[in-house]
Protein backbone atom coordinates (compact mmCIF):
# COMPACT_ATOMS: atom_id res chain seq x y z
CA MET A 1 46.61 4.02 -0.38
CA GLY A 2 47.69 5.14 2.64
CA LEU A 3 46.71 6.65 6.06
CA ASN A 4 45.57 10.14 6.00
CA VAL A 5 48.48 12.70 7.00
CA ILE A 6 46.55 15.19 9.34
CA GLY A 7 47.07 18.82 8.28
CA SER A 8 50.73 19.43 9.28
CA PHE A 9 51.44 16.53 11.54
CA LEU A 10 53.20 14.67 8.77
CA ARG A 11 56.06 12.76 11.28
CA PRO A 12 59.35 11.85 10.05
CA LYS A 13 58.99 8.18 11.50
CA MET A 14 55.91 7.42 9.36
CA GLU A 15 57.59 5.19 6.99
CA GLY A 16 56.30 1.62 6.15
CA LYS A 17 53.20 0.43 7.97
CA PRO A 18 51.87 2.97 10.28
CA LEU A 19 50.82 2.20 13.75
CA VAL A 20 47.37 3.22 15.25
CA GLY A 21 47.70 3.44 18.93
CA CYS A 22 44.64 3.59 21.82
CA PHE A 23 45.81 4.50 25.06
CA ALA A 24 43.09 3.05 27.27
CA ARG A 25 41.79 0.73 29.54
CA VAL A 26 40.16 -2.41 28.21
CA VAL A 27 36.51 -1.72 29.42
CA PRO A 28 33.36 -1.89 27.23
CA ILE A 29 33.13 2.24 28.12
CA LYS A 30 36.25 2.76 25.84
CA GLY A 31 34.55 1.42 22.77
CA ILE A 32 37.25 -1.13 21.86
CA THR A 33 35.15 -3.18 19.84
CA THR A 34 34.27 0.13 17.55
CA LEU A 35 38.24 0.11 16.91
CA ILE A 36 38.44 -3.44 16.07
CA LYS A 37 35.63 -2.82 13.30
CA ALA A 38 37.30 0.49 12.24
CA ALA A 39 40.59 -1.56 12.05
CA LYS A 40 39.33 -4.18 9.45
CA ILE A 41 37.79 -1.39 7.45
CA VAL A 42 41.08 0.14 7.60
CA CYS A 43 43.17 -3.13 6.75
CA ASP A 44 40.91 -4.12 3.65
CA THR A 45 41.99 -1.11 1.81
CA THR A 46 45.58 -0.23 3.26
CA THR A 47 48.38 -1.56 5.34
CA ALA A 48 48.71 -0.56 9.03
CA ASP A 49 48.90 -2.20 12.73
CA PHE A 50 46.48 -1.14 15.31
CA VAL A 51 47.84 -1.39 19.07
CA VAL A 52 45.59 -0.81 22.56
CA VAL A 53 48.01 0.19 25.26
CA GLY A 54 46.22 0.11 28.52
CA GLU A 55 45.39 -2.31 31.55
CA ILE A 56 43.25 -5.24 30.59
CA GLN A 57 40.60 -4.49 33.70
CA ASP A 58 37.05 -6.48 32.17
CA GLU A 59 38.57 -10.13 31.27
CA GLU A 60 35.48 -10.55 29.81
CA TYR A 61 34.99 -8.00 27.58
CA TYR A 62 38.84 -8.27 26.68
CA LYS A 63 37.82 -11.53 25.36
CA GLU A 64 35.12 -10.41 23.40
CA CYS A 65 37.61 -8.11 21.75
CA GLN A 66 39.95 -11.35 21.17
CA ILE A 67 37.20 -13.16 19.26
CA LEU A 68 36.03 -9.97 16.81
CA VAL A 69 39.80 -9.73 15.99
CA GLU A 70 40.03 -13.42 15.22
CA LYS A 71 36.50 -13.48 13.68
CA LEU A 72 37.60 -10.22 11.23
CA GLY A 73 40.96 -12.17 10.60
CA LEU A 74 43.25 -9.10 12.36
CA LYS A 75 45.40 -11.36 14.51
CA ASP A 76 48.68 -10.18 13.24
CA ARG A 77 47.34 -6.43 12.69
CA PHE A 78 45.69 -5.76 16.16
CA LYS A 79 47.22 -6.32 19.25
CA PHE A 80 46.94 -5.31 22.84
CA THR A 81 49.85 -4.89 25.13
CA GLY A 82 48.11 -4.89 28.37
CA TYR A 83 49.70 -2.31 31.27
CA ALA A 84 52.38 -0.89 29.53
CA ASP A 85 54.85 2.17 29.91
CA SER A 86 52.82 4.58 28.00
CA VAL A 87 55.77 7.29 27.42
CA GLU A 88 57.67 4.52 24.87
CA TRP A 89 54.52 3.88 23.18
CA TYR A 90 53.83 7.36 22.62
CA ARG A 91 56.92 7.32 20.59
CA LYS A 92 55.90 4.05 18.59
CA VAL A 93 52.65 5.06 17.31
CA ASP A 94 51.97 7.12 14.12
CA ILE A 95 48.53 8.05 15.06
CA PHE A 96 46.59 8.31 18.15
CA THR A 97 42.83 7.49 18.62
CA LEU A 98 40.52 7.23 21.13
CA SER A 99 37.09 4.74 20.27
CA SER A 100 35.37 6.07 23.90
CA ASP A 101 31.44 5.88 24.20
CA SER A 102 31.88 8.29 27.06
CA GLU A 103 34.79 10.19 28.49
CA GLY A 104 35.79 13.35 30.80
CA VAL A 105 38.70 14.90 29.51
CA PRO A 106 41.15 12.17 28.76
CA TYR A 107 44.74 12.95 29.58
CA ALA A 108 45.70 9.95 27.14
CA LEU A 109 44.50 12.68 24.53
CA LEU A 110 46.49 15.33 26.16
CA GLU A 111 49.76 13.53 26.35
CA ALA A 112 49.17 12.44 22.48
CA MET A 113 48.81 16.13 21.41
CA CYS A 114 51.98 16.79 23.46
CA CYS A 115 53.82 14.28 21.80
CA GLY A 116 52.68 15.79 18.37
CA LEU A 117 50.65 12.65 17.38
CA PRO A 118 47.73 13.34 15.01
CA CYS A 119 44.69 12.32 16.43
CA VAL A 120 41.09 10.69 15.11
CA CYS A 121 38.64 10.56 18.63
CA THR A 122 35.15 9.98 19.08
CA ASP A 123 33.01 13.15 20.28
CA VAL A 124 32.36 12.18 23.67
CA GLY A 125 33.17 14.61 26.87
CA GLY A 126 35.49 17.45 26.33
CA ILE A 127 37.27 15.72 23.58
CA SER A 128 35.77 18.27 20.57
CA GLU A 129 36.85 21.40 22.79
CA ILE A 130 40.21 19.71 23.18
CA LEU A 131 40.75 18.37 19.63
CA SER A 132 39.80 21.46 17.16
CA GLY A 133 40.76 22.71 14.18
CA ASP A 134 43.81 21.16 12.62
CA LEU A 135 44.76 19.05 15.77
CA GLY A 136 43.21 16.25 14.30
CA TYR A 137 39.48 14.72 13.54
CA VAL A 138 36.69 13.98 15.62
CA VAL A 139 33.93 11.53 14.97
CA PRO A 140 30.60 10.31 16.11
CA PRO A 141 30.73 7.51 18.73
CA SER A 142 29.90 3.96 18.02
CA GLN A 143 30.55 4.36 13.90
CA PRO A 144 33.41 2.33 12.99
CA ASP A 145 32.84 3.22 9.21
CA SER A 146 33.30 7.00 10.42
CA LEU A 147 36.67 6.25 12.53
CA ALA A 148 37.62 4.62 9.38
CA GLN A 149 37.31 6.88 7.15
CA LYS A 150 39.89 9.65 9.07
CA PHE A 151 42.23 7.10 8.88
CA VAL A 152 42.08 6.08 5.30
CA CYS A 153 42.98 8.53 2.45
């Protein structure tokens, strides 16, 4: 069982273990704990890795995320890069995701779409207006099962 290929977004580099990337600051409003829980669901049924590319702005929340990663047995499958060159990382990931509880118009989503990445994001802020049709999936916020379901075939 592999990760879902969204519409016509089959990417030539998608071979072996897919990498799901979240490009976001590590703060509670970005819903990283929801993504970690979704990653556990995905990793229980298929092979994939997850990465959060973004500055760690809330050290306490970051520690909470690290504890959850450890508790769910995802230490080798879920990584945080801290601040990094996002242009480099857009080329490395196979699927883009945002698990935010609140957003405006996320630049990261627009950048991912410009890079041709399939996208799975929560339905907050302007995301559903941007991500419509066959461009990806929009799921309810704070629901790891819904998020995971769009990653797994």
